[in-house]
C-alpha atoms as a PDB file:
ATOM      1  CA  VAL A   1       3.720  -3.996  -9.794  1.00  0.00           C
ATOM      2  CA  PHE A   2       1.666  -1.772  -7.528  1.00  0.00           C
ATOM      3  CA  LYS A   3       1.679  -1.985  -3.727  1.00  0.00           C
ATOM      4  CA  TYR A   4      -0.803  -0.148  -1.509  1.00  0.00           C
ATOM      5  CA  LYS A   5      -0.504   0.564   2.222  1.00  0.00           C
ATOM      6  CA  PHE A   6      -3.534   1.413   4.349  1.00  0.00           C
ATOM      7  CA  ASP A   7      -3.850   2.693   7.913  1.00  0.00           C
ATOM      8  CA  GLU A   8      -5.902   0.982  10.637  1.00  0.00           C
ATOM      9  CA  HIS A   9      -9.078   2.757   9.410  1.00  0.00           C
ATOM     10  CA  GLY A  10      -8.677   1.556   5.833  1.00  0.00           C
ATOM     11  CA  TYR A  11      -7.465   4.875   4.411  1.00  0.00           C
ATOM     12  CA  LEU A  12      -4.782   4.785   1.742  1.00  0.00           C
ATOM     13  CA  ILE A  13      -1.522   6.218   3.090  1.00  0.00           C
ATOM     14  CA  LYS A  14       1.135   5.027   0.627  1.00  0.00           C
ATOM     15  CA  VAL A  15       1.376   3.778  -2.961  1.00  0.00           C
ATOM     16  CA  LYS A  16       4.495   2.180  -4.430  1.00  0.00           C
ATOM     17  CA  ALA A  17       5.013   1.325  -8.088  1.00  0.00           C
ATOM     18  CA  ARG A  18       7.738  -0.862  -9.511  1.00  0.00           C
ATOM     19  CA  ILE A  19       8.473  -1.695 -13.125  1.00  0.00           C
ATOM     20  CA  CYS A  20       9.791  -5.215 -13.661  1.00  0.00           C
ATOM     21  CA  VAL A  21      11.865  -5.322 -16.829  1.00  0.00           C
ATOM     22  CA  ARG A  22      11.684  -8.613 -18.744  1.00  0.00           C
ATOM     23  CA  GLY A  23      15.180  -9.988 -18.254  1.00  0.00           C
ATOM     24  CA  ASP A  24      14.307 -13.163 -20.152  1.00  0.00           C
ATOM     25  CA  LEU A  25      14.146 -11.130 -23.377  1.00  0.00           C
ATOM     26  CA  GLN A  26      17.535  -9.526 -22.784  1.00  0.00           C
ATOM     27  CA  THR A  27      20.623 -10.567 -24.691  1.00  0.00           C
ATOM     28  CA  THR A  28      23.693 -10.879 -22.510  1.00  0.00           C
ATOM     29  CA  THR A  29      26.638  -8.947 -23.916  1.00  0.00           C
ATOM     30  CA  GLN A  30      28.728  -8.635 -20.783  1.00  0.00           C
ATOM     31  CA  ASP A  31      29.476 -10.686 -17.711  1.00  0.00           C
ATOM     32  CA  THR A  32      27.636  -9.732 -14.551  1.00  0.00           C
ATOM     33  CA  TYR A  33      28.850 -10.402 -11.039  1.00  0.00           C
ATOM     34  CA  ALA A  34      27.529  -9.625  -7.581  1.00  0.00           C
ATOM     35  CA  ALA A  35      29.871 -10.233  -4.673  1.00  0.00           C
ATOM     36  CA  THR A  36      28.111 -12.140  -1.906  1.00  0.00           C
ATOM     37  CA  LEU A  37      29.394 -13.944   1.147  1.00  0.00           C
ATOM     38  CA  ALA A  38      29.830 -17.717   0.796  1.00  0.00           C
ATOM     39  CA  PHE A  39      28.067 -19.789   3.465  1.00  0.00           C
ATOM     40  CA  ARG A  40      31.303 -21.462   4.585  1.00  0.00           C
ATOM     41  CA  ILE A  41      32.966 -18.072   5.165  1.00  0.00           C
ATOM     42  CA  PHE A  42      29.880 -16.828   7.014  1.00  0.00           C
ATOM     43  CA  CYS A  43      30.023 -19.848   9.360  1.00  0.00           C
ATOM     44  CA  THR A  44      33.739 -19.258   9.938  1.00  0.00           C
ATOM     45  CA  LEU A  45      33.135 -15.605  10.833  1.00  0.00           C
ATOM     46  CA  ILE A  46      30.331 -16.505  13.250  1.00  0.00           C
ATOM     47  CA  THR A  47      32.609 -19.094  14.904  1.00  0.00           C
ATOM     48  CA  ILE A  48      35.407 -16.528  15.346  1.00  0.00           C
ATOM     49  CA  ILE A  49      32.957 -13.982  16.765  1.00  0.00           C
ATOM     50  CA  TYR A  50      31.647 -16.549  19.251  1.00  0.00           C
ATOM     51  CA  ALA A  51      35.108 -17.862  20.204  1.00  0.00           C
ATOM     52  CA  PHE A  52      36.501 -14.408  20.993  1.00  0.00           C
ATOM     53  CA  ASN A  53      33.242 -13.032  22.459  1.00  0.00           C
ATOM     54  CA  LEU A  54      33.181 -10.191  19.917  1.00  0.00           C
ATOM     55  CA  GLU A  55      30.354  -7.722  19.414  1.00  0.00           C
ATOM     56  CA  THR A  56      28.408  -7.899  16.148  1.00  0.00           C
ATOM     57  CA  ARG A  57      26.298  -5.404  14.246  1.00  0.00           C
ATOM     58  CA  GLN A  58      23.718  -5.950  11.563  1.00  0.00           C
ATOM     59  CA  TYR A  59      22.903  -3.625   8.674  1.00  0.00           C
ATOM     60  CA  ASN A  60      20.058  -3.776   6.208  1.00  0.00           C
ATOM     61  CA  ILE A  61      21.201  -2.676   2.757  1.00  0.00           C
ATOM     62  CA  VAL A  62      18.018  -2.042   0.800  1.00  0.00           C
ATOM     63  CA  ASN A  63      18.272  -2.388  -2.984  1.00  0.00           C
ATOM     64  CA  ALA A  64      22.033  -2.868  -2.956  1.00  0.00           C
ATOM     65  CA  PHE A  65      22.131  -4.764  -6.257  1.00  0.00           C
ATOM     66  CA  PRO A  66      20.005  -2.486  -8.507  1.00  0.00           C
ATOM     67  CA  HIS A  67      22.183   0.581  -7.841  1.00  0.00           C
ATOM     68  CA  VAL A  68      25.021   0.017 -10.256  1.00  0.00           C
ATOM     69  CA  LEU A  69      26.505   2.287 -12.901  1.00  0.00           C
ATOM     70  CA  LEU A  70      25.909   0.943 -16.406  1.00  0.00           C
ATOM     71  CA  GLU A  71      28.401   1.452 -19.199  1.00  0.00           C
ATOM     72  CA  ASN A  72      25.792   1.195 -21.981  1.00  0.00           C
ATOM     73  CA  GLU A  73      22.413   2.829 -22.445  1.00  0.00           C
ATOM     74  CA  THR A  74      19.428   0.691 -21.506  1.00  0.00           C
ATOM     75  CA  PHE A  75      16.124   0.869 -23.375  1.00  0.00           C
ATOM     76  CA  TYR A  76      12.754  -0.541 -22.391  1.00  0.00           C
ATOM     77  CA  ALA A  77       9.124  -0.111 -23.404  1.00  0.00           C
ATOM     78  CA  PRO A  78       6.587   0.965 -20.777  1.00  0.00           C
ATOM     79  CA  PRO A  79       3.865  -1.516 -19.776  1.00  0.00           C
ATOM     80  CA  LYS A  80       0.594  -1.577 -21.695  1.00  0.00           C
ATOM     81  CA  GLY A  81      -1.818   1.089 -20.496  1.00  0.00           C
ATOM     82  CA  ILE A  82       0.875   3.540 -19.382  1.00  0.00           C
ATOM     83  CA  LYS A  83       0.705   6.840 -21.253  1.00  0.00           C
ATOM     84  CA  LEU A  84       3.934   8.770 -21.643  1.00  0.00           C
ATOM     85  CA  PRO A  85       3.925  12.596 -21.457  1.00  0.00           C
ATOM     86  CA  HIS A  86       4.891  13.011 -25.128  1.00  0.00           C
ATOM     87  CA  ASP A  87       2.232  10.559 -26.459  1.00  0.00           C
END
């Protein structure tokens, strides 16, 4: 997937490329788990914060889930039209 960013004059200033691996072709050999906050717990925390007039902070964790250490090697084929250096 390619994403292009232009300035107000229409000049290209940034290009991003992302490879989307076909997860539907993957065989699952291990359990995967991502810890997320349950909605009920979130509501409870917000209620406590409001009741005790506490200060809150918000953080934006970009790409938190993709950055995980894998135990096994992962192989994938590049998209059609992409030439590798050794080809």
